[in-house]
Amino acid sequence: MNNCIFCKIVNGEIPCSKIYDDELVMSFLDVNPTSDGHLLVIPKEHYENVADAPEEVLTRISKICKKMGLLVKDKLGASGFNIINASGKDAQQSVFHLHFHVVPRYKNDGLDLWFHGKAGDKEKIKEIKKKLLS
């Protein structure tokens, strides 16, 4: 992909602070970090989102996300981490090359990256279940 920033990073056209690299996946520090040690984990091949990526790639990404999360806990003293992905424009995906954020969390860091849902309508939930299972 000629205009994909992550493809350019993979190809060495744009520098990055690389932390991990193998034949399928790489991880590097986000240049717009949410917290200290915020990492991105991407496949080297261009896939737009989770729906487009082969299972083998998703499996490797999952393993590397865990590895990066444990790394920030061990080396940076994070007390936890979030693994976040947005797949599709309406899911707030902004770079259309599959990527996962590994966001280190620290005690009292003030970040609120979680969902704030409200109680769902029980009948609507039943209808949705029927649709998903039909």
N, C-alpha and C. Protein backbone atom coordinates (compact mmCIF):
# COMPACT_ATOMS: atom_id res chain seq x y z
N MET A 1 0.85 -1.18 0.00
CA MET A 1 0.00 0.00 0.00
C MET A 1 0.89 1.23 0.00
N ASN A 2 0.82 2.02 -1.04
CA ASN A 2 1.72 3.15 -1.22
C ASN A 2 1.59 4.24 -0.17
N ASN A 3 0.38 4.53 0.28
CA ASN A 3 0.18 5.64 1.21
C ASN A 3 -0.05 5.20 2.65
N CYS A 4 0.14 3.94 2.95
CA CYS A 4 -0.11 3.43 4.29
C CYS A 4 1.11 3.70 5.18
N ILE A 5 0.90 4.46 6.24
CA ILE A 5 2.01 4.82 7.13
C ILE A 5 2.64 3.60 7.78
N PHE A 6 1.83 2.59 8.13
CA PHE A 6 2.40 1.40 8.76
C PHE A 6 3.17 0.55 7.76
N CYS A 7 2.72 0.49 6.52
CA CYS A 7 3.50 -0.21 5.49
C CYS A 7 4.83 0.49 5.27
N LYS A 8 4.83 1.82 5.31
CA LYS A 8 6.08 2.58 5.17
C LYS A 8 7.02 2.32 6.34
N ILE A 9 6.47 2.16 7.53
CA ILE A 9 7.30 1.81 8.70
C ILE A 9 7.89 0.42 8.51
N VAL A 10 7.07 -0.55 8.11
CA VAL A 10 7.54 -1.92 7.88
C VAL A 10 8.66 -1.93 6.85
N ASN A 11 8.51 -1.13 5.78
CA ASN A 11 9.49 -1.09 4.69
C ASN A 11 10.70 -0.22 5.00
N GLY A 12 10.75 0.39 6.17
CA GLY A 12 11.90 1.20 6.55
C GLY A 12 11.90 2.60 5.95
N GLU A 13 10.79 3.01 5.34
CA GLU A 13 10.71 4.34 4.74
C GLU A 13 10.48 5.42 5.78
N ILE A 14 9.89 5.04 6.90
CA ILE A 14 9.64 5.95 8.02
C ILE A 14 10.26 5.29 9.25
N PRO A 15 11.07 6.04 10.01
CA PRO A 15 11.69 5.44 11.19
C PRO A 15 10.67 5.20 12.31
N CYS A 16 11.00 4.26 13.17
CA CYS A 16 10.16 3.99 14.34
C CYS A 16 11.06 3.53 15.48
N SER A 17 10.52 3.55 16.66
CA SER A 17 11.22 3.03 17.84
C SER A 17 10.78 1.58 18.03
N LYS A 18 11.40 0.70 17.25
CA LYS A 18 11.02 -0.72 17.20
C LYS A 18 11.40 -1.43 18.49
N ILE A 19 10.47 -2.22 18.99
CA ILE A 19 10.68 -2.99 20.21
C ILE A 19 10.70 -4.49 19.91
N TYR A 20 9.94 -4.91 18.89
CA TYR A 20 9.85 -6.33 18.54
C TYR A 20 9.70 -6.46 17.04
N ASP A 21 10.30 -7.53 16.49
CA ASP A 21 10.23 -7.76 15.04
C ASP A 21 10.42 -9.24 14.76
N ASP A 22 9.51 -9.85 14.01
CA ASP A 22 9.69 -11.22 13.53
C ASP A 22 9.19 -11.28 12.09
N GLU A 23 9.02 -12.46 11.53
CA GLU A 23 8.64 -12.57 10.12
C GLU A 23 7.22 -12.11 9.83
N LEU A 24 6.32 -12.10 10.83
CA LEU A 24 4.93 -11.72 10.60
C LEU A 24 4.52 -10.40 11.22
N VAL A 25 5.14 -10.03 12.34
CA VAL A 25 4.63 -8.96 13.19
C VAL A 25 5.77 -8.07 13.66
N MET A 26 5.43 -6.81 13.89
CA MET A 26 6.38 -5.93 14.56
C MET A 26 5.64 -5.06 15.57
N SER A 27 6.41 -4.57 16.54
CA SER A 27 5.84 -3.69 17.56
C SER A 27 6.79 -2.52 17.75
N PHE A 28 6.20 -1.34 17.94
CA PHE A 28 7.00 -0.13 18.12
C PHE A 28 6.24 0.85 18.99
N LEU A 29 6.96 1.80 19.54
CA LEU A 29 6.35 2.82 20.38
C LEU A 29 5.48 3.75 19.56
N ASP A 30 4.31 4.07 20.07
CA ASP A 30 3.39 5.01 19.42
C ASP A 30 3.97 6.41 19.53
N VAL A 31 3.96 7.17 18.43
CA VAL A 31 4.49 8.54 18.46
C VAL A 31 3.52 9.52 19.10
N ASN A 32 2.28 9.09 19.33
CA ASN A 32 1.29 9.89 20.04
C ASN A 32 0.78 9.08 21.23
N PRO A 33 1.64 8.86 22.22
CA PRO A 33 1.29 7.92 23.29
C PRO A 33 0.20 8.41 24.23
N THR A 34 -0.62 7.46 24.64
CA THR A 34 -1.64 7.70 25.65
C THR A 34 -1.02 7.61 27.04
N SER A 35 0.01 6.77 27.18
CA SER A 35 0.74 6.63 28.43
C SER A 35 2.18 6.26 28.10
N ASP A 36 3.07 6.35 29.08
CA ASP A 36 4.48 6.00 28.86
C ASP A 36 4.59 4.53 28.49
N GLY A 37 5.19 4.26 27.33
CA GLY A 37 5.37 2.90 26.87
C GLY A 37 4.27 2.39 25.95
N HIS A 38 3.35 3.27 25.52
CA HIS A 38 2.26 2.91 24.61
C HIS A 38 2.86 2.33 23.33
N LEU A 39 2.50 1.09 23.04
CA LEU A 39 3.03 0.38 21.88
C LEU A 39 1.95 0.07 20.85
N LEU A 40 2.37 -0.08 19.62
CA LEU A 40 1.51 -0.58 18.55
C LEU A 40 2.06 -1.94 18.13
N VAL A 41 1.17 -2.88 17.85
CA VAL A 41 1.54 -4.18 17.33
C VAL A 41 0.82 -4.33 15.99
N ILE A 42 1.59 -4.55 14.92
CA ILE A 42 1.02 -4.60 13.58
C ILE A 42 1.52 -5.83 12.82
N PRO A 43 0.73 -6.31 11.85
CA PRO A 43 1.26 -7.33 10.94
C PRO A 43 2.13 -6.64 9.90
N LYS A 44 3.13 -7.35 9.41
CA LYS A 44 4.00 -6.77 8.38
C LYS A 44 3.26 -6.68 7.04
N GLU A 45 2.40 -7.64 6.77
CA GLU A 45 1.57 -7.58 5.56
C GLU A 45 0.42 -6.62 5.82
N HIS A 46 -0.07 -6.01 4.76
CA HIS A 46 -1.18 -5.07 4.90
C HIS A 46 -2.51 -5.81 4.93
N TYR A 47 -3.19 -5.70 6.05
CA TYR A 47 -4.58 -6.14 6.20
C TYR A 47 -5.30 -4.95 6.79
N GLU A 48 -6.48 -4.64 6.28
CA GLU A 48 -7.17 -3.45 6.74
C GLU A 48 -7.62 -3.56 8.19
N ASN A 49 -8.16 -4.71 8.58
CA ASN A 49 -8.65 -4.85 9.95
C ASN A 49 -8.73 -6.33 10.32
N VAL A 50 -9.27 -6.62 11.50
CA VAL A 50 -9.34 -8.00 12.00
C VAL A 50 -10.06 -8.92 11.02
N ALA A 51 -11.12 -8.45 10.38
CA ALA A 51 -11.90 -9.28 9.47
C ALA A 51 -11.09 -9.74 8.26
N ASP A 52 -10.07 -8.98 7.87
CA ASP A 52 -9.27 -9.29 6.69
C ASP A 52 -8.06 -10.17 6.97
N ALA A 53 -7.65 -10.27 8.22
CA ALA A 53 -6.39 -10.93 8.55
C ALA A 53 -6.57 -12.44 8.71
N PRO A 54 -5.58 -13.20 8.25
CA PRO A 54 -5.62 -14.65 8.44
C PRO A 54 -5.48 -15.01 9.93
N GLU A 55 -6.04 -16.17 10.29
CA GLU A 55 -5.99 -16.63 11.68
C GLU A 55 -4.56 -16.69 12.21
N GLU A 56 -3.63 -17.15 11.38
CA GLU A 56 -2.23 -17.28 11.80
C GLU A 56 -1.66 -15.92 12.23
N VAL A 57 -2.00 -14.89 11.50
CA VAL A 57 -1.52 -13.55 11.82
C VAL A 57 -2.17 -13.05 13.11
N LEU A 58 -3.46 -13.26 13.25
CA LEU A 58 -4.15 -12.83 14.47
C LEU A 58 -3.63 -13.56 15.70
N THR A 59 -3.32 -14.83 15.54
CA THR A 59 -2.75 -15.60 16.65
C THR A 59 -1.41 -15.02 17.06
N ARG A 60 -0.56 -14.73 16.09
CA ARG A 60 0.76 -14.17 16.41
C ARG A 60 0.61 -12.79 17.05
N ILE A 61 -0.27 -11.96 16.51
CA ILE A 61 -0.48 -10.63 17.09
C ILE A 61 -0.91 -10.75 18.55
N SER A 62 -1.82 -11.67 18.82
CA SER A 62 -2.29 -11.87 20.19
C SER A 62 -1.14 -12.23 21.12
N LYS A 63 -0.29 -13.14 20.68
CA LYS A 63 0.86 -13.55 21.50
C LYS A 63 1.81 -12.38 21.73
N ILE A 64 2.03 -11.57 20.70
CA ILE A 64 2.97 -10.45 20.84
C ILE A 64 2.36 -9.34 21.70
N CYS A 65 1.06 -9.13 21.59
CA CYS A 65 0.41 -8.16 22.49
C CYS A 65 0.62 -8.55 23.94
N LYS A 66 0.44 -9.83 24.23
CA LYS A 66 0.69 -10.30 25.60
C LYS A 66 2.15 -10.07 25.99
N LYS A 67 3.05 -10.44 25.11
CA LYS A 67 4.49 -10.27 25.37
C LYS A 67 4.83 -8.80 25.64
N MET A 68 4.25 -7.90 24.85
CA MET A 68 4.53 -6.47 25.03
C MET A 68 3.90 -5.96 26.33
N GLY A 69 2.72 -6.46 26.67
CA GLY A 69 2.09 -6.07 27.92
C GLY A 69 2.92 -6.49 29.12
N LEU A 70 3.43 -7.71 29.08
CA LEU A 70 4.29 -8.18 30.17
C LEU A 70 5.60 -7.41 30.21
N LEU A 71 6.09 -7.03 29.05
CA LEU A 71 7.33 -6.25 28.97
C LEU A 71 7.18 -4.89 29.65
N VAL A 72 6.08 -4.18 29.39
CA VAL A 72 5.90 -2.86 30.01
C VAL A 72 5.67 -2.99 31.51
N LYS A 73 5.07 -4.08 31.93
CA LYS A 73 4.93 -4.30 33.37
C LYS A 73 6.30 -4.52 34.00
N ASP A 74 7.10 -5.37 33.37
CA ASP A 74 8.41 -5.71 33.92
C ASP A 74 9.40 -4.55 33.85
N LYS A 75 9.50 -3.90 32.70
CA LYS A 75 10.54 -2.88 32.49
C LYS A 75 10.13 -1.47 32.88
N LEU A 76 8.83 -1.16 32.80
CA LEU A 76 8.39 0.21 33.08
C LEU A 76 7.58 0.33 34.37
N GLY A 77 7.32 -0.79 35.00
CA GLY A 77 6.59 -0.76 36.25
C GLY A 77 5.09 -0.53 36.11
N ALA A 78 4.55 -0.79 34.91
CA ALA A 78 3.11 -0.66 34.73
C ALA A 78 2.41 -1.68 35.63
N SER A 79 1.27 -1.31 36.16
CA SER A 79 0.53 -2.24 37.02
C SER A 79 -0.50 -3.04 36.23
N GLY A 80 -0.69 -2.69 34.97
CA GLY A 80 -1.61 -3.39 34.07
C GLY A 80 -1.46 -2.84 32.67
N PHE A 81 -2.29 -3.30 31.76
CA PHE A 81 -2.26 -2.79 30.39
C PHE A 81 -3.58 -3.09 29.70
N ASN A 82 -3.93 -2.22 28.75
CA ASN A 82 -5.08 -2.44 27.88
C ASN A 82 -4.57 -2.86 26.52
N ILE A 83 -5.29 -3.79 25.88
CA ILE A 83 -5.04 -4.14 24.48
C ILE A 83 -6.29 -3.70 23.73
N ILE A 84 -6.10 -2.77 22.79
CA ILE A 84 -7.24 -2.13 22.13
C ILE A 84 -7.09 -2.22 20.61
N ASN A 85 -8.20 -2.54 19.94
CA ASN A 85 -8.25 -2.56 18.48
C ASN A 85 -9.55 -1.93 18.02
N ALA A 86 -9.48 -1.20 16.94
CA ALA A 86 -10.68 -0.68 16.28
C ALA A 86 -10.68 -1.24 14.86
N SER A 87 -11.73 -1.95 14.48
CA SER A 87 -11.83 -2.53 13.14
C SER A 87 -13.01 -1.91 12.41
N GLY A 88 -12.71 -1.00 11.51
CA GLY A 88 -13.73 -0.33 10.71
C GLY A 88 -13.90 1.13 11.11
N LYS A 89 -14.28 1.92 10.13
CA LYS A 89 -14.44 3.37 10.34
C LYS A 89 -15.42 3.68 11.47
N ASP A 90 -16.54 2.98 11.51
CA ASP A 90 -17.54 3.26 12.54
C ASP A 90 -17.12 2.76 13.92
N ALA A 91 -16.04 1.97 13.97
CA ALA A 91 -15.47 1.54 15.25
C ALA A 91 -14.32 2.47 15.65
N GLN A 92 -14.19 3.58 14.95
CA GLN A 92 -13.18 4.62 15.20
C GLN A 92 -11.78 4.22 14.75
N GLN A 93 -11.68 3.31 13.77
CA GLN A 93 -10.37 3.01 13.19
C GLN A 93 -9.94 4.22 12.39
N SER A 94 -8.71 4.67 12.61
CA SER A 94 -8.23 5.87 11.91
C SER A 94 -7.10 5.56 10.93
N VAL A 95 -6.33 4.51 11.18
CA VAL A 95 -5.30 4.05 10.25
C VAL A 95 -5.76 2.69 9.77
N PHE A 96 -5.95 2.54 8.47
CA PHE A 96 -6.57 1.35 7.92
C PHE A 96 -5.55 0.28 7.54
N HIS A 97 -4.67 0.02 8.48
CA HIS A 97 -3.76 -1.11 8.49
C HIS A 97 -3.97 -1.72 9.87
N LEU A 98 -4.31 -2.98 9.93
CA LEU A 98 -4.60 -3.64 11.19
C LEU A 98 -3.54 -3.30 12.24
N HIS A 99 -3.98 -2.90 13.41
CA HIS A 99 -3.06 -2.63 14.51
C HIS A 99 -3.76 -2.75 15.85
N PHE A 100 -2.99 -3.09 16.83
CA PHE A 100 -3.46 -3.17 18.20
C PHE A 100 -2.61 -2.24 19.05
N HIS A 101 -3.26 -1.56 19.97
CA HIS A 101 -2.56 -0.70 20.93
C HIS A 101 -2.35 -1.50 22.20
N VAL A 102 -1.16 -1.45 22.73
CA VAL A 102 -0.88 -1.99 24.06
C VAL A 102 -0.57 -0.77 24.92
N VAL A 103 -1.53 -0.43 25.78
CA VAL A 103 -1.45 0.80 26.57
C VAL A 103 -1.12 0.44 28.02
N PRO A 104 0.12 0.76 28.45
CA PRO A 104 0.47 0.51 29.84
C PRO A 104 -0.38 1.35 30.78
N ARG A 105 -0.76 0.75 31.89
CA ARG A 105 -1.55 1.46 32.89
C ARG A 105 -0.77 1.54 34.19
N TYR A 106 -0.90 2.68 34.82
CA TYR A 106 -0.19 2.95 36.06
C TYR A 106 -1.20 3.40 37.11
N LYS A 107 -0.91 3.10 38.36
CA LYS A 107 -1.80 3.49 39.45
C LYS A 107 -2.07 4.99 39.37
N ASN A 108 -3.35 5.35 39.45
CA ASN A 108 -3.78 6.75 39.43
C ASN A 108 -3.34 7.50 38.17
N ASP A 109 -3.31 6.81 37.01
CA ASP A 109 -2.88 7.48 35.77
C ASP A 109 -3.97 8.38 35.18
N GLY A 110 -5.18 8.29 35.68
CA GLY A 110 -6.25 9.18 35.23
C GLY A 110 -6.86 8.81 33.89
N LEU A 111 -6.37 7.75 33.24
CA LEU A 111 -6.92 7.35 31.95
C LEU A 111 -8.25 6.62 32.14
N ASP A 112 -9.18 6.86 31.23
CA ASP A 112 -10.45 6.16 31.24
C ASP A 112 -10.67 5.63 29.83
N LEU A 113 -10.24 4.41 29.60
CA LEU A 113 -10.32 3.80 28.27
C LEU A 113 -11.39 2.73 28.18
N TRP A 114 -12.29 2.69 29.16
CA TRP A 114 -13.24 1.60 29.21
C TRP A 114 -14.63 2.04 28.77
N PHE A 115 -15.48 1.05 28.50
CA PHE A 115 -16.85 1.26 28.06
C PHE A 115 -17.71 1.74 29.22
N HIS A 116 -18.68 2.54 28.90
CA HIS A 116 -19.62 3.02 29.91
C HIS A 116 -21.03 2.76 29.42
N GLY A 117 -21.37 1.47 29.32
CA GLY A 117 -22.69 1.08 28.83
C GLY A 117 -23.76 1.29 29.89
N LYS A 118 -24.97 1.06 29.46
CA LYS A 118 -26.09 1.14 30.39
C LYS A 118 -26.89 -0.15 30.24
N ALA A 119 -27.75 -0.42 31.19
CA ALA A 119 -28.53 -1.65 31.17
C ALA A 119 -29.31 -1.77 29.86
N GLY A 120 -29.21 -2.94 29.24
CA GLY A 120 -29.89 -3.16 27.97
C GLY A 120 -31.31 -3.65 28.15
N ASP A 121 -32.13 -3.44 27.12
CA ASP A 121 -33.49 -3.93 27.09
C ASP A 121 -33.46 -5.45 26.90
N LYS A 122 -34.06 -6.20 27.84
CA LYS A 122 -33.99 -7.66 27.82
C LYS A 122 -34.62 -8.26 26.56
N GLU A 123 -35.71 -7.68 26.08
CA GLU A 123 -36.36 -8.19 24.87
C GLU A 123 -35.48 -7.95 23.64
N LYS A 124 -34.88 -6.80 23.58
CA LYS A 124 -33.99 -6.50 22.45
C LYS A 124 -32.78 -7.44 22.45
N ILE A 125 -32.25 -7.72 23.64
CA ILE A 125 -31.12 -8.64 23.75
C ILE A 125 -31.53 -10.02 23.23
N LYS A 126 -32.74 -10.46 23.56
CA LYS A 126 -33.24 -11.76 23.06
C LYS A 126 -33.35 -11.76 21.54
N GLU A 127 -33.83 -10.65 20.97
CA GLU A 127 -33.96 -10.53 19.51
C GLU A 127 -32.59 -10.59 18.83
N ILE A 128 -31.66 -9.90 19.41
CA ILE A 128 -30.30 -9.89 18.85
C ILE A 128 -29.69 -11.28 18.91
N LYS A 129 -29.90 -11.97 20.02
CA LYS A 129 -29.40 -13.34 20.15
C LYS A 129 -29.98 -14.22 19.05
N LYS A 130 -31.29 -14.11 18.80
CA LYS A 130 -31.94 -14.91 17.75
C LYS A 130 -31.28 -14.63 16.40
N LYS A 131 -31.07 -13.35 16.09
CA LYS A 131 -30.45 -13.00 14.81
C LYS A 131 -29.04 -13.58 14.69
N LEU A 132 -28.28 -13.50 15.76
CA LEU A 132 -26.91 -13.99 15.72
C LEU A 132 -26.83 -15.50 15.59
N LEU A 133 -27.81 -16.19 16.11
CA LEU A 133 -27.79 -17.66 16.07
C LEU A 133 -28.58 -18.24 14.91
N SER A 134 -29.25 -17.41 14.11
CA SER A 134 -30.05 -17.97 13.00
C SER A 134 -29.20 -18.17 11.76
